[in-house]
Amino acid sequence: MPIRELHTDSLQQQCASCRGLHTISFDALTVGIKNNRQVHAHGIAMPPCAHCGAREFVFPSKPDISPHPVLGSYGHRHRLLVDELQALLVRHGRFLQEAAADIGSSRPLSRRDRKRWFPNGLRLPVPSTEKDDPR
């Protein structure tokens, strides 16, 4: 379920199972995933697909992670969108309180990266071939 676009208060996501496109309000998202007694501070649980029920969890890159090996690729730009999503949610207080101490610093997009990798807005092109398809 790749994130296709980030907007001011929502995102567009495509279901990897049924390929349906969904608009998800940021109000439906939080940083932090609670599983029984464990809390995964960095993950973001996407709501289930309205058509097929599939679920996805996205994880922003960690501060000490190496740069993406193929700058400008679909995977690189998707990573940047997930990092920006986490930064937006944290900035608006959309995180589990149990995860607050472990969230650390978020990685919002710099103006330079926004201009370089997303000159037409925070959106990814639809993959044109199976090779580009993130499934």
N, C-alpha and C. Protein backbone atom coordinates (compact mmCIF):
# COMPACT_ATOMS: atom_id res chain seq x y z
N MET A 1 0.83 -1.18 0.00
CA MET A 1 0.00 0.00 0.00
C MET A 1 0.87 1.25 0.00
N PRO A 2 1.42 1.59 -1.12
CA PRO A 2 2.27 2.77 -1.13
C PRO A 2 1.47 4.05 -0.91
N ILE A 3 2.13 4.98 -0.28
CA ILE A 3 1.57 6.32 -0.16
C ILE A 3 1.81 6.99 -1.50
N ARG A 4 0.77 7.48 -2.12
CA ARG A 4 0.88 8.13 -3.42
C ARG A 4 1.08 9.64 -3.31
N GLU A 5 0.35 10.27 -2.36
CA GLU A 5 0.41 11.72 -2.21
C GLU A 5 0.22 12.11 -0.76
N LEU A 6 0.90 13.19 -0.36
CA LEU A 6 0.66 13.81 0.94
C LEU A 6 0.04 15.17 0.68
N HIS A 7 -1.01 15.47 1.42
CA HIS A 7 -1.68 16.77 1.34
C HIS A 7 -1.55 17.45 2.70
N THR A 8 -2.18 18.56 2.88
CA THR A 8 -2.11 19.31 4.13
C THR A 8 -2.63 18.52 5.31
N ASP A 9 -3.75 17.81 5.13
CA ASP A 9 -4.37 17.10 6.25
C ASP A 9 -4.79 15.67 5.91
N SER A 10 -4.28 15.15 4.79
CA SER A 10 -4.64 13.78 4.39
C SER A 10 -3.56 13.23 3.46
N LEU A 11 -3.71 11.96 3.13
CA LEU A 11 -2.82 11.33 2.17
C LEU A 11 -3.64 10.44 1.27
N GLN A 12 -3.07 10.11 0.12
CA GLN A 12 -3.68 9.15 -0.77
C GLN A 12 -2.81 7.91 -0.77
N GLN A 13 -3.45 6.77 -0.58
CA GLN A 13 -2.73 5.49 -0.47
C GLN A 13 -3.35 4.51 -1.45
N GLN A 14 -2.50 3.67 -2.04
CA GLN A 14 -2.99 2.63 -2.93
C GLN A 14 -2.82 1.28 -2.27
N CYS A 15 -3.88 0.50 -2.24
CA CYS A 15 -3.85 -0.82 -1.63
C CYS A 15 -3.03 -1.76 -2.51
N ALA A 16 -2.08 -2.44 -1.91
CA ALA A 16 -1.23 -3.39 -2.64
C ALA A 16 -2.01 -4.64 -3.04
N SER A 17 -3.06 -4.97 -2.30
CA SER A 17 -3.83 -6.18 -2.60
C SER A 17 -4.85 -5.97 -3.71
N CYS A 18 -5.70 -4.96 -3.56
CA CYS A 18 -6.78 -4.76 -4.54
C CYS A 18 -6.55 -3.57 -5.46
N ARG A 19 -5.47 -2.80 -5.22
CA ARG A 19 -5.08 -1.65 -6.02
C ARG A 19 -6.01 -0.45 -5.89
N GLY A 20 -6.95 -0.50 -4.93
CA GLY A 20 -7.86 0.62 -4.72
C GLY A 20 -7.13 1.83 -4.16
N LEU A 21 -7.56 3.02 -4.55
CA LEU A 21 -7.00 4.26 -4.02
C LEU A 21 -7.89 4.78 -2.91
N HIS A 22 -7.26 5.22 -1.82
CA HIS A 22 -8.00 5.68 -0.65
C HIS A 22 -7.42 6.99 -0.15
N THR A 23 -8.29 7.90 0.24
CA THR A 23 -7.85 9.12 0.91
C THR A 23 -8.00 8.90 2.40
N ILE A 24 -6.92 9.13 3.14
CA ILE A 24 -6.92 8.89 4.59
C ILE A 24 -6.60 10.20 5.29
N SER A 25 -7.48 10.60 6.18
CA SER A 25 -7.26 11.81 6.97
C SER A 25 -6.15 11.56 7.99
N PHE A 26 -5.34 12.59 8.23
CA PHE A 26 -4.32 12.47 9.26
C PHE A 26 -4.94 12.21 10.63
N ASP A 27 -6.20 12.59 10.82
CA ASP A 27 -6.89 12.33 12.09
C ASP A 27 -7.04 10.83 12.35
N ALA A 28 -6.93 10.00 11.30
CA ALA A 28 -7.05 8.55 11.45
C ALA A 28 -5.71 7.88 11.72
N LEU A 29 -4.63 8.67 11.82
CA LEU A 29 -3.29 8.12 11.94
C LEU A 29 -2.60 8.59 13.22
N THR A 30 -1.77 7.74 13.77
CA THR A 30 -0.91 8.11 14.89
C THR A 30 0.45 7.47 14.69
N VAL A 31 1.47 8.13 15.21
CA VAL A 31 2.81 7.54 15.23
C VAL A 31 2.86 6.66 16.48
N GLY A 32 3.27 5.45 16.31
CA GLY A 32 3.31 4.48 17.40
C GLY A 32 2.28 3.40 17.18
N ILE A 33 2.71 2.17 17.33
CA ILE A 33 1.82 1.02 17.17
C ILE A 33 1.83 0.25 18.47
N LYS A 34 0.66 0.06 19.03
CA LYS A 34 0.55 -0.69 20.29
C LYS A 34 0.07 -2.10 19.97
N ASN A 35 0.85 -3.08 20.43
CA ASN A 35 0.54 -4.48 20.21
C ASN A 35 0.64 -5.18 21.56
N ASN A 36 -0.52 -5.47 22.14
CA ASN A 36 -0.58 -6.00 23.50
C ASN A 36 0.15 -5.02 24.43
N ARG A 37 1.26 -5.44 25.01
CA ARG A 37 1.98 -4.55 25.92
C ARG A 37 3.18 -3.87 25.26
N GLN A 38 3.47 -4.22 24.04
CA GLN A 38 4.59 -3.61 23.33
C GLN A 38 4.13 -2.37 22.57
N VAL A 39 5.03 -1.39 22.52
CA VAL A 39 4.77 -0.19 21.73
C VAL A 39 5.94 -0.01 20.77
N HIS A 40 5.63 0.06 19.49
CA HIS A 40 6.63 0.32 18.46
C HIS A 40 6.54 1.82 18.16
N ALA A 41 7.47 2.57 18.71
CA ALA A 41 7.38 4.03 18.73
C ALA A 41 7.42 4.67 17.35
N HIS A 42 8.05 4.05 16.38
CA HIS A 42 8.24 4.72 15.10
C HIS A 42 7.24 4.33 14.04
N GLY A 43 6.52 3.26 14.21
CA GLY A 43 5.62 2.79 13.18
C GLY A 43 4.33 3.60 13.08
N ILE A 44 3.73 3.54 11.91
CA ILE A 44 2.44 4.18 11.67
C ILE A 44 1.54 3.11 11.06
N ALA A 45 0.44 2.80 11.76
CA ALA A 45 -0.52 1.80 11.26
C ALA A 45 -1.53 2.50 10.35
N MET A 46 -1.62 2.03 9.13
CA MET A 46 -2.61 2.56 8.21
C MET A 46 -3.94 1.86 8.49
N PRO A 47 -5.04 2.56 8.28
CA PRO A 47 -6.35 1.90 8.48
C PRO A 47 -6.51 0.76 7.47
N PRO A 48 -7.34 -0.22 7.80
CA PRO A 48 -7.57 -1.32 6.85
C PRO A 48 -8.18 -0.79 5.55
N CYS A 49 -7.86 -1.44 4.46
CA CYS A 49 -8.43 -1.08 3.16
C CYS A 49 -9.95 -1.25 3.24
N ALA A 50 -10.66 -0.25 2.78
CA ALA A 50 -12.13 -0.29 2.83
C ALA A 50 -12.71 -1.35 1.90
N HIS A 51 -11.94 -1.76 0.89
CA HIS A 51 -12.44 -2.73 -0.07
C HIS A 51 -12.12 -4.17 0.31
N CYS A 52 -10.87 -4.42 0.72
CA CYS A 52 -10.46 -5.82 0.94
C CYS A 52 -9.97 -6.11 2.36
N GLY A 53 -9.81 -5.08 3.20
CA GLY A 53 -9.41 -5.27 4.59
C GLY A 53 -7.91 -5.40 4.82
N ALA A 54 -7.09 -5.28 3.76
CA ALA A 54 -5.64 -5.39 3.93
C ALA A 54 -5.12 -4.29 4.84
N ARG A 55 -4.05 -4.57 5.58
CA ARG A 55 -3.43 -3.60 6.50
C ARG A 55 -1.99 -3.36 6.10
N GLU A 56 -1.51 -2.17 6.40
CA GLU A 56 -0.10 -1.88 6.19
C GLU A 56 0.41 -1.04 7.34
N PHE A 57 1.67 -1.23 7.62
CA PHE A 57 2.37 -0.44 8.63
C PHE A 57 3.57 0.18 7.93
N VAL A 58 3.77 1.46 8.09
CA VAL A 58 4.94 2.11 7.51
C VAL A 58 5.85 2.57 8.63
N PHE A 59 7.14 2.56 8.34
CA PHE A 59 8.14 2.94 9.33
C PHE A 59 9.07 3.97 8.73
N PRO A 60 9.16 5.15 9.33
CA PRO A 60 10.09 6.15 8.82
C PRO A 60 11.53 5.69 9.03
N SER A 61 12.43 6.29 8.27
CA SER A 61 13.83 5.91 8.41
C SER A 61 14.38 6.42 9.73
N LYS A 62 15.33 5.69 10.26
CA LYS A 62 15.95 6.08 11.53
C LYS A 62 17.04 7.11 11.26
N PRO A 63 17.32 7.96 12.24
CA PRO A 63 18.32 9.02 12.02
C PRO A 63 19.69 8.50 11.60
N ASP A 64 20.07 7.30 12.03
CA ASP A 64 21.41 6.79 11.71
C ASP A 64 21.45 5.90 10.47
N ILE A 65 20.36 5.87 9.71
CA ILE A 65 20.31 5.00 8.54
C ILE A 65 21.11 5.61 7.38
N SER A 66 21.69 4.74 6.58
CA SER A 66 22.44 5.18 5.40
C SER A 66 21.49 5.79 4.37
N PRO A 67 22.03 6.66 3.53
CA PRO A 67 21.18 7.20 2.46
C PRO A 67 20.68 6.06 1.56
N HIS A 68 19.55 6.27 0.94
CA HIS A 68 18.99 5.26 0.04
C HIS A 68 20.01 4.98 -1.06
N PRO A 69 20.19 3.72 -1.46
CA PRO A 69 21.21 3.39 -2.44
C PRO A 69 20.93 3.92 -3.86
N VAL A 70 19.66 4.22 -4.17
CA VAL A 70 19.33 4.71 -5.51
C VAL A 70 18.53 6.01 -5.35
N LEU A 71 19.25 7.12 -5.24
CA LEU A 71 18.59 8.41 -5.06
C LEU A 71 17.70 8.72 -6.26
N GLY A 72 16.50 9.20 -5.96
CA GLY A 72 15.53 9.54 -7.01
C GLY A 72 14.64 8.39 -7.42
N SER A 73 14.93 7.19 -6.94
CA SER A 73 14.10 6.03 -7.29
C SER A 73 12.76 6.11 -6.57
N TYR A 74 11.87 5.24 -6.99
CA TYR A 74 10.55 5.16 -6.36
C TYR A 74 10.71 4.89 -4.87
N GLY A 75 11.55 3.92 -4.51
CA GLY A 75 11.76 3.57 -3.10
C GLY A 75 12.33 4.72 -2.29
N HIS A 76 13.27 5.44 -2.87
CA HIS A 76 13.86 6.60 -2.19
C HIS A 76 12.80 7.67 -1.93
N ARG A 77 12.02 7.99 -2.95
CA ARG A 77 11.01 9.04 -2.77
C ARG A 77 9.88 8.59 -1.84
N HIS A 78 9.54 7.29 -1.85
CA HIS A 78 8.53 6.80 -0.90
C HIS A 78 9.06 6.94 0.52
N ARG A 79 10.33 6.62 0.73
CA ARG A 79 10.95 6.77 2.05
C ARG A 79 10.82 8.22 2.52
N LEU A 80 11.10 9.16 1.62
CA LEU A 80 10.99 10.58 1.97
C LEU A 80 9.57 10.96 2.34
N LEU A 81 8.57 10.42 1.63
CA LEU A 81 7.17 10.71 1.96
C LEU A 81 6.82 10.16 3.35
N VAL A 82 7.28 8.95 3.66
CA VAL A 82 6.99 8.37 4.98
C VAL A 82 7.67 9.19 6.07
N ASP A 83 8.88 9.63 5.84
CA ASP A 83 9.56 10.49 6.83
C ASP A 83 8.80 11.80 7.03
N GLU A 84 8.33 12.39 5.95
CA GLU A 84 7.57 13.64 6.04
C GLU A 84 6.24 13.40 6.76
N LEU A 85 5.58 12.28 6.48
CA LEU A 85 4.33 11.95 7.17
C LEU A 85 4.56 11.86 8.67
N GLN A 86 5.61 11.16 9.08
CA GLN A 86 5.88 11.05 10.51
C GLN A 86 6.13 12.42 11.12
N ALA A 87 6.89 13.27 10.44
CA ALA A 87 7.17 14.61 10.95
C ALA A 87 5.89 15.43 11.09
N LEU A 88 5.00 15.33 10.11
CA LEU A 88 3.73 16.06 10.17
C LEU A 88 2.88 15.58 11.34
N LEU A 89 2.79 14.27 11.51
CA LEU A 89 1.97 13.72 12.59
C LEU A 89 2.52 14.11 13.96
N VAL A 90 3.83 14.02 14.13
CA VAL A 90 4.44 14.39 15.41
C VAL A 90 4.22 15.88 15.68
N ARG A 91 4.43 16.70 14.66
CA ARG A 91 4.26 18.14 14.82
C ARG A 91 2.83 18.50 15.25
N HIS A 92 1.85 17.70 14.81
CA HIS A 92 0.45 17.95 15.17
C HIS A 92 -0.01 17.12 16.37
N GLY A 93 0.93 16.53 17.10
CA GLY A 93 0.58 15.80 18.32
C GLY A 93 -0.10 14.48 18.09
N ARG A 94 0.02 13.90 16.90
CA ARG A 94 -0.64 12.64 16.56
C ARG A 94 0.31 11.47 16.82
N PHE A 95 0.55 11.18 18.11
CA PHE A 95 1.40 10.05 18.48
C PHE A 95 0.89 9.46 19.78
N LEU A 96 1.16 8.19 20.00
CA LEU A 96 0.78 7.53 21.24
C LEU A 96 1.60 8.10 22.38
N GLN A 97 0.97 8.41 23.49
CA GLN A 97 1.70 8.94 24.64
C GLN A 97 2.75 7.95 25.13
N GLU A 98 2.44 6.65 25.02
CA GLU A 98 3.40 5.63 25.45
C GLU A 98 4.66 5.64 24.58
N ALA A 99 4.59 6.22 23.41
CA ALA A 99 5.73 6.25 22.49
C ALA A 99 6.48 7.57 22.53
N ALA A 100 5.96 8.55 23.25
CA ALA A 100 6.51 9.91 23.20
C ALA A 100 8.00 9.96 23.52
N ALA A 101 8.44 9.23 24.51
CA ALA A 101 9.85 9.28 24.91
C ALA A 101 10.78 8.65 23.88
N ASP A 102 10.24 7.74 23.06
CA ASP A 102 11.07 7.01 22.10
C ASP A 102 10.97 7.50 20.66
N ILE A 103 10.11 8.46 20.41
CA ILE A 103 9.93 8.93 19.04
C ILE A 103 11.20 9.56 18.50
N GLY A 104 11.89 10.31 19.35
CA GLY A 104 13.12 10.95 18.89
C GLY A 104 12.83 12.07 17.92
N SER A 105 13.79 12.36 17.10
CA SER A 105 13.60 13.45 16.15
C SER A 105 13.02 12.92 14.85
N SER A 106 12.08 13.66 14.32
CA SER A 106 11.50 13.30 13.04
C SER A 106 12.35 13.93 11.94
N ARG A 107 12.14 13.47 10.72
CA ARG A 107 12.96 13.93 9.59
C ARG A 107 12.08 14.57 8.53
N PRO A 108 11.66 15.81 8.76
CA PRO A 108 10.85 16.47 7.72
C PRO A 108 11.71 16.74 6.48
N LEU A 109 11.04 16.87 5.36
CA LEU A 109 11.76 17.17 4.11
C LEU A 109 12.35 18.57 4.17
N SER A 110 13.56 18.69 3.73
CA SER A 110 14.17 20.01 3.61
C SER A 110 13.60 20.68 2.36
N ARG A 111 13.70 21.99 2.30
CA ARG A 111 13.25 22.71 1.10
C ARG A 111 13.99 22.21 -0.14
N ARG A 112 15.28 21.96 0.03
CA ARG A 112 16.10 21.49 -1.09
C ARG A 112 15.59 20.15 -1.61
N ASP A 113 15.34 19.19 -0.70
CA ASP A 113 14.86 17.87 -1.12
C ASP A 113 13.44 17.95 -1.70
N ARG A 114 12.61 18.79 -1.11
CA ARG A 114 11.24 18.96 -1.63
C ARG A 114 11.30 19.46 -3.08
N LYS A 115 12.15 20.45 -3.32
CA LYS A 115 12.27 21.02 -4.67
C LYS A 115 12.90 20.01 -5.63
N ARG A 116 13.89 19.28 -5.16
CA ARG A 116 14.61 18.34 -6.02
C ARG A 116 13.78 17.10 -6.37
N TRP A 117 13.18 16.47 -5.35
CA TRP A 117 12.51 15.19 -5.56
C TRP A 117 11.00 15.30 -5.78
N PHE A 118 10.41 16.43 -5.40
CA PHE A 118 8.95 16.60 -5.53
C PHE A 118 8.62 17.97 -6.10
N PRO A 119 9.10 18.29 -7.29
CA PRO A 119 8.87 19.63 -7.84
C PRO A 119 7.40 19.93 -8.13
N ASN A 120 6.58 18.90 -8.28
CA ASN A 120 5.15 19.09 -8.58
C ASN A 120 4.25 18.73 -7.40
N GLY A 121 4.78 18.82 -6.18
CA GLY A 121 4.02 18.47 -4.99
C GLY A 121 4.43 17.12 -4.44
N LEU A 122 3.97 16.81 -3.25
CA LEU A 122 4.37 15.58 -2.56
C LEU A 122 3.57 14.39 -3.09
N ARG A 123 3.93 13.96 -4.28
CA ARG A 123 3.24 12.83 -4.91
C ARG A 123 4.24 11.97 -5.66
N LEU A 124 3.91 10.69 -5.71
CA LEU A 124 4.71 9.73 -6.47
C LEU A 124 3.98 9.40 -7.76
N PRO A 125 4.71 9.16 -8.84
CA PRO A 125 4.05 8.72 -10.06
C PRO A 125 3.55 7.30 -9.89
N VAL A 126 2.53 6.95 -10.63
CA VAL A 126 2.06 5.57 -10.64
C VAL A 126 3.12 4.75 -11.37
N PRO A 127 3.58 3.64 -10.76
CA PRO A 127 4.61 2.83 -11.43
C PRO A 127 4.14 2.39 -12.82
N SER A 128 5.02 2.52 -13.80
CA SER A 128 4.65 2.20 -15.18
C SER A 128 4.89 0.74 -15.53
N THR A 129 5.75 0.06 -14.76
CA THR A 129 6.04 -1.34 -15.05
C THR A 129 6.04 -2.14 -13.76
N GLU A 130 5.95 -3.42 -13.86
CA GLU A 130 6.02 -4.29 -12.69
C GLU A 130 7.34 -4.12 -11.96
N LYS A 131 8.40 -3.82 -12.70
CA LYS A 131 9.71 -3.62 -12.07
C LYS A 131 9.66 -2.46 -11.08
N ASP A 132 8.88 -1.44 -11.39
CA ASP A 132 8.76 -0.27 -10.52
C ASP A 132 7.72 -0.46 -9.42
N ASP A 133 6.90 -1.49 -9.55
CA ASP A 133 5.82 -1.71 -8.60
C ASP A 133 6.39 -2.14 -7.26
N PRO A 134 6.03 -1.43 -6.16
CA PRO A 134 6.60 -1.73 -4.85
C PRO A 134 6.13 -3.04 -4.21
N ARG A 135 5.22 -3.78 -4.85
CA ARG A 135 4.75 -5.03 -4.25
C ARG A 135 5.81 -6.06 -4.22
